[in-house]
Amino acid sequence: MNTEKARSFVVIMVIVALSALVLRFAVMQIVRFNIEQNESSAQSILKLISTALENYSKDHQGAFPGNLTALTKTQSRYLDKDYTAFSSYRGYVYSCSKIESSGYNCSAVPLICGLSGNTDFSVSTGNLFISQKCPKRE
């Protein structure tokens, strides 16, 4: 009788271990998919911001606006929303360290490197797009 109980316990432990392994793999795949979606969105949004800034400049004799809000509040809207106003948007934090009449420099940084994204993106005057691996922040 005791050998049957012991055998049943071993079988249950093997099933639990295999279930944990499958669950870990599934969670890793979900996180990887989420990161890919966030990175794709960040690239698209930065390109959208850059295009809006360049179009504004063409319409205003080569001068860029003082901030992104100017792109959303004008009669002809260049941008649907000010992404820098959000604390984070789809796993990334957007900021523009420089927006002045002569040029701009905007970036998208993952909220949590390795969990919401693996890459920092930046775009500057002339649609110059740069990407690099984000440093692990601890």
Protein backbone atom coordinates (compact mmCIF):
# COMPACT_ATOMS: atom_id res chain seq x y z
CA MET A 1 0.00 0.00 0.00
CA ASN A 2 2.82 2.46 0.84
CA THR A 3 4.57 1.81 -2.49
CA GLU A 4 1.41 2.80 -4.37
CA LYS A 5 1.20 6.07 -2.41
CA ALA A 6 4.86 6.77 -3.04
CA ARG A 7 4.47 6.03 -6.74
CA SER A 8 1.40 8.28 -6.95
CA PHE A 9 3.31 11.09 -5.23
CA VAL A 10 6.23 10.76 -7.70
CA VAL A 11 3.83 10.83 -10.64
CA ILE A 12 2.14 13.98 -9.28
CA MET A 13 5.54 15.68 -8.75
CA VAL A 14 6.63 14.84 -12.31
CA ILE A 15 3.37 16.27 -13.68
CA VAL A 16 3.79 19.43 -11.60
CA ALA A 17 7.39 19.85 -12.79
CA LEU A 18 6.43 19.39 -16.45
CA SER A 19 3.51 21.79 -16.08
CA ALA A 20 5.81 24.41 -14.56
CA LEU A 21 8.26 23.99 -17.44
CA VAL A 22 5.52 24.38 -20.06
CA LEU A 23 4.10 27.40 -18.23
CA ARG A 24 7.54 29.05 -18.07
CA PHE A 25 8.01 28.56 -21.80
CA ALA A 26 4.56 30.00 -22.54
CA VAL A 27 5.18 33.08 -20.36
CA MET A 28 8.56 33.67 -22.04
CA GLN A 29 6.90 33.54 -25.46
CA ILE A 30 4.21 36.02 -24.37
CA VAL A 31 6.82 38.44 -23.01
CA ARG A 32 8.91 38.13 -26.20
CA PHE A 33 5.83 38.82 -28.35
CA ASN A 34 4.90 41.82 -26.17
CA ILE A 35 8.43 43.24 -26.50
CA GLU A 36 8.33 42.89 -30.29
CA GLN A 37 4.97 44.67 -30.45
CA ASN A 38 6.16 47.49 -28.17
CA GLU A 39 9.35 48.00 -30.18
CA SER A 40 7.48 48.07 -33.47
CA SER A 41 5.05 50.61 -32.05
CA ALA A 42 7.89 52.78 -30.69
CA GLN A 43 9.61 52.85 -34.07
CA SER A 44 6.39 53.79 -35.82
CA ILE A 45 5.54 56.53 -33.33
CA LEU A 46 9.01 58.09 -33.52
CA LYS A 47 8.85 58.07 -37.31
CA LEU A 48 5.39 59.65 -37.07
CA ILE A 49 6.72 62.37 -34.74
CA SER A 50 9.68 63.02 -37.03
CA THR A 51 7.49 63.23 -40.13
CA ALA A 52 5.11 65.61 -38.35
CA LEU A 53 8.02 67.84 -37.31
CA GLU A 54 9.51 67.83 -40.80
CA ASN A 55 6.13 68.67 -42.38
CA TYR A 56 5.61 71.50 -39.89
CA SER A 57 9.05 72.84 -40.79
CA LYS A 58 8.24 72.77 -44.52
CA ASP A 59 5.04 74.71 -43.90
CA HIS A 60 6.76 77.30 -41.66
CA GLN A 61 9.82 78.38 -43.69
CA GLY A 62 12.15 75.77 -42.19
CA ALA A 63 11.35 76.51 -38.53
CA PHE A 64 10.40 73.71 -36.16
CA PRO A 65 7.83 74.22 -33.36
CA GLY A 66 8.85 74.80 -29.76
CA ASN A 67 7.09 71.62 -28.55
CA LEU A 68 4.96 68.71 -29.75
CA THR A 69 1.79 70.32 -28.44
CA ALA A 70 2.08 72.85 -31.28
CA LEU A 71 1.68 69.95 -33.71
CA THR A 72 -1.62 68.85 -32.18
CA LYS A 73 -3.23 72.27 -31.59
CA THR A 74 -2.77 73.93 -35.00
CA GLN A 75 -5.55 74.30 -37.59
CA SER A 76 -4.01 71.56 -39.73
CA ARG A 77 -3.01 68.91 -37.22
CA TYR A 78 0.35 67.33 -37.88
CA LEU A 79 0.15 64.82 -35.03
CA ASP A 80 -2.85 63.11 -33.44
CA LYS A 81 -1.52 63.32 -29.84
CA ASP A 82 1.46 64.51 -27.84
CA TYR A 83 3.17 61.22 -26.96
CA THR A 84 5.59 62.97 -24.59
CA ALA A 85 2.65 63.93 -22.34
CA PHE A 86 2.07 60.27 -21.35
CA SER A 87 4.07 58.72 -18.53
CA SER A 88 4.42 55.71 -20.84
CA TYR A 89 2.71 54.57 -24.00
CA ARG A 90 2.76 50.89 -25.02
CA GLY A 91 5.76 50.12 -22.84
CA TYR A 92 7.89 53.08 -23.92
CA VAL A 93 8.53 56.55 -22.55
CA TYR A 94 8.75 59.28 -25.20
CA SER A 95 10.64 62.52 -24.76
CA CYS A 96 12.13 65.27 -26.85
CA SER A 97 15.33 66.60 -25.33
CA LYS A 98 15.55 69.28 -28.01
CA ILE A 99 12.78 70.93 -30.01
CA GLU A 100 13.70 74.38 -31.20
CA SER A 101 13.39 76.34 -34.41
CA SER A 102 16.68 74.91 -35.73
CA GLY A 103 16.04 71.22 -35.08
CA TYR A 104 14.88 68.43 -32.81
CA ASN A 105 15.98 65.27 -31.04
CA CYS A 106 13.33 62.86 -29.72
CA SER A 107 13.66 59.44 -28.15
CA ALA A 108 11.71 56.38 -27.02
CA VAL A 109 13.09 54.39 -24.09
CA PRO A 110 11.54 51.18 -22.68
CA LEU A 111 9.77 51.62 -19.38
CA ILE A 112 11.54 48.48 -18.10
CA CYS A 113 14.49 47.32 -20.19
CA GLY A 114 14.15 43.63 -20.93
CA LEU A 115 10.47 43.49 -20.03
CA SER A 116 8.71 46.19 -22.06
CA GLY A 117 11.45 46.55 -24.69
CA ASN A 118 15.09 45.80 -25.46
CA THR A 119 15.98 48.78 -27.64
CA ASP A 120 16.29 52.55 -27.20
CA PHE A 121 15.25 54.56 -30.26
CA SER A 122 15.98 58.16 -31.17
CA VAL A 123 15.29 60.40 -34.12
CA SER A 124 16.76 63.79 -34.92
CA THR A 125 16.54 66.55 -37.51
CA GLY A 126 16.34 65.21 -41.05
CA ASN A 127 14.68 61.93 -40.02
CA LEU A 128 17.96 60.51 -38.74
CA PHE A 129 16.82 57.34 -36.93
CA ILE A 130 19.12 55.55 -34.45
CA SER A 131 18.52 52.42 -32.39
CA GLN A 132 20.66 50.73 -29.76
CA LYS A 133 20.26 48.06 -27.12
CA CYS A 134 19.02 49.54 -23.88
CA PRO A 135 21.29 49.20 -20.89
CA LYS A 136 19.93 46.91 -18.20
CA ARG A 137 18.71 49.22 -15.45
CA GLU A 138 18.83 47.71 -11.98
